[in-house]
Amino acid sequence: MREYQSLSHTRWNCKYHVVFIPKRRRKVMFGQLRKHLGTIFHELAKQKGCEIVEGHLMADHVHMCLSIPPKYAVSNVVGFIKGKSAISIARTFRGKSKNFTGENFWARGYFVSTVGLDEEMVRNYIREQEREDEHYEQLSLWKS
């Protein structure tokens, strides 16, 4: 059984596989920076009502499986996480305290792919839905 989440008028399960890299794909995520990024990513995701279902920091890229509510665009959430984490890196590891315009720890783009239901399962559901509806119609006619 899938774990569905709820908003006031919505039941949802929206998960995305997201990958992004540091500027010029430098191999810089080691030691303290790696630990720091792990905690900061979880905090930033929580601020947007998102959850990092699975994540892995490599030396030169980040993999995340993000659960994002349908009220947010994926680009907004990824941009928020990348931007705020770059500011946090500047504060913690580069000694900056203000004037964060132009902080560019992360490269510009990212990769995203949906993590959805199995296609065959959806096709079977759609095929069986017609039979289910016919069954309920028969029951309602029989009860009348």
Protein backbone atom coordinates (compact mmCIF):
# COMPACT_ATOMS: atom_id res chain seq x y z
CA MET A 1 0.00 0.00 0.00
CA ARG A 2 1.36 3.41 -0.96
CA GLU A 3 1.77 6.13 1.60
CA TYR A 4 -0.38 9.05 0.47
CA GLN A 5 -0.11 12.43 2.10
CA SER A 6 -2.87 15.00 2.53
CA LEU A 7 -3.44 18.70 2.17
CA SER A 8 -6.79 20.28 2.97
CA HIS A 9 -8.41 19.16 -0.30
CA THR A 10 -5.83 16.86 -1.84
CA ARG A 11 -4.47 13.33 -1.42
CA TRP A 12 -1.08 13.05 -3.08
CA ASN A 13 2.09 11.05 -3.65
CA CYS A 14 4.48 13.21 -5.72
CA LYS A 15 8.08 12.07 -5.65
CA TYR A 16 10.95 13.27 -7.81
CA HIS A 17 14.50 12.07 -8.40
CA VAL A 18 16.67 15.21 -8.41
CA VAL A 19 20.40 15.45 -9.23
CA PHE A 20 22.54 18.59 -9.17
CA ILE A 21 26.25 19.37 -9.16
CA PRO A 22 28.67 21.95 -7.75
CA LYS A 23 30.02 24.59 -10.12
CA ARG A 24 32.35 23.02 -12.70
CA ARG A 25 31.58 19.64 -11.10
CA ARG A 26 34.37 20.10 -8.58
CA LYS A 27 34.89 17.22 -6.16
CA VAL A 28 34.39 19.28 -3.01
CA MET A 29 31.83 17.50 -0.85
CA PHE A 30 33.91 15.80 1.82
CA GLY A 31 34.17 15.80 5.62
CA GLN A 32 32.46 18.64 7.47
CA LEU A 33 30.87 20.11 4.33
CA ARG A 34 29.23 16.78 3.56
CA LYS A 35 27.78 16.48 7.08
CA HIS A 36 26.64 20.09 7.01
CA LEU A 37 24.88 19.68 3.66
CA GLY A 38 23.03 16.58 4.84
CA THR A 39 21.43 18.42 7.75
CA ILE A 40 20.85 21.67 5.85
CA PHE A 41 19.10 19.89 2.96
CA HIS A 42 16.67 18.20 5.38
CA GLU A 43 15.96 21.50 7.18
CA LEU A 44 15.36 23.38 3.92
CA ALA A 45 13.08 20.66 2.56
CA LYS A 46 11.06 20.72 5.78
CA GLN A 47 10.64 24.52 5.47
CA LYS A 48 8.84 23.97 2.15
CA GLY A 49 6.72 21.10 3.49
CA CYS A 50 8.82 18.60 1.51
CA GLU A 51 10.62 15.47 2.61
CA ILE A 52 13.87 13.94 1.45
CA VAL A 53 12.84 10.31 1.13
CA GLU A 54 16.29 9.17 0.05
CA GLY A 55 19.48 11.11 -0.51
CA HIS A 56 23.13 10.57 -1.25
CA LEU A 57 25.98 13.06 -1.44
CA MET A 58 28.77 12.08 -3.80
CA ALA A 59 32.05 14.02 -4.03
CA ASP A 60 30.86 15.83 -7.17
CA HIS A 61 27.05 15.57 -7.22
CA VAL A 62 23.91 15.19 -5.10
CA HIS A 63 21.12 12.62 -5.56
CA MET A 64 17.80 13.13 -3.79
CA CYS A 65 14.40 11.55 -3.88
CA LEU A 66 12.15 14.44 -2.87
CA SER A 67 8.51 14.23 -1.90
CA ILE A 68 7.08 17.61 -2.94
CA PRO A 69 3.47 18.71 -2.32
CA PRO A 70 1.56 19.49 -5.54
CA LYS A 71 1.11 23.11 -4.46
CA TYR A 72 4.83 23.73 -5.19
CA ALA A 73 6.65 23.61 -8.51
CA VAL A 74 9.68 21.32 -8.55
CA SER A 75 11.82 24.17 -9.91
CA ASN A 76 10.87 26.42 -6.99
CA VAL A 77 11.78 23.81 -4.38
CA VAL A 78 15.07 22.82 -6.04
CA GLY A 79 15.98 26.50 -6.53
CA PHE A 80 15.19 27.21 -2.89
CA ILE A 81 17.29 24.28 -1.65
CA LYS A 82 20.25 25.12 -3.90
CA GLY A 83 20.13 28.86 -3.15
CA LYS A 84 19.76 28.65 0.61
CA SER A 85 22.33 25.88 0.92
CA ALA A 86 24.84 28.00 -1.06
CA ILE A 87 24.28 30.84 1.41
CA SER A 88 24.74 28.45 4.33
CA ILE A 89 28.02 27.18 2.82
CA ALA A 90 29.23 30.77 2.38
CA ARG A 91 28.39 31.57 6.01
CA THR A 92 29.83 28.44 7.53
CA PHE A 93 32.86 27.63 5.37
CA ARG A 94 33.81 30.88 3.64
CA GLY A 95 33.42 33.29 6.55
CA LYS A 96 30.82 35.54 4.89
CA SER A 97 28.13 37.12 7.01
CA LYS A 98 26.23 39.29 4.49
CA ASN A 99 26.06 40.36 0.82
CA PHE A 100 25.16 36.93 -0.49
CA THR A 101 24.24 38.07 -3.99
CA GLY A 102 26.07 36.07 -6.58
CA GLU A 103 26.85 33.07 -4.35
CA ASN A 104 27.32 30.29 -6.84
CA PHE A 105 28.41 27.07 -5.19
CA TRP A 106 25.99 25.02 -7.32
CA ALA A 107 25.95 24.81 -11.11
CA ARG A 108 22.97 26.40 -12.83
CA GLY A 109 20.78 23.45 -13.83
CA TYR A 110 19.61 20.17 -12.40
CA PHE A 111 18.15 16.84 -13.49
CA VAL A 112 14.65 15.79 -12.44
CA SER A 113 12.57 12.72 -13.12
CA THR A 114 9.24 11.65 -11.67
CA VAL A 115 9.09 8.60 -9.47
CA GLY A 116 5.57 7.34 -10.07
CA LEU A 117 3.46 4.26 -10.10
CA ASP A 118 4.45 1.37 -12.26
CA GLU A 119 3.07 1.97 -15.78
CA GLU A 120 1.70 -1.55 -16.09
CA MET A 121 -0.10 -1.22 -12.78
CA VAL A 122 -1.74 2.01 -13.98
CA ARG A 123 -2.80 0.38 -17.25
CA ASN A 124 -4.33 -2.55 -15.37
CA TYR A 125 -6.13 -0.15 -13.03
CA ILE A 126 -7.57 1.76 -15.99
CA ARG A 127 -8.66 -1.48 -17.70
CA GLU A 128 -10.27 -2.83 -14.53
CA GLN A 129 -11.94 0.47 -13.69
CA GLU A 130 -14.50 0.03 -16.46
CA ARG A 131 -15.41 -3.43 -15.12
CA GLU A 132 -15.64 -2.00 -11.58
CA ASP A 133 -18.03 0.73 -12.75
CA GLU A 134 -20.18 -1.82 -14.63
CA HIS A 135 -20.29 -3.99 -11.50
CA TYR A 136 -21.48 -1.07 -9.34
CA GLU A 137 -24.09 -0.08 -11.96
CA GLN A 138 -25.44 -3.64 -11.94
CA LEU A 139 -25.66 -3.60 -8.15
CA SER A 140 -27.50 -0.27 -8.12
CA LEU A 141 -29.98 -1.47 -10.77
CA TRP A 142 -30.58 -4.68 -8.87
CA LYS A 143 -31.29 -2.80 -5.60
CA SER A 144 -33.80 -0.40 -7.24
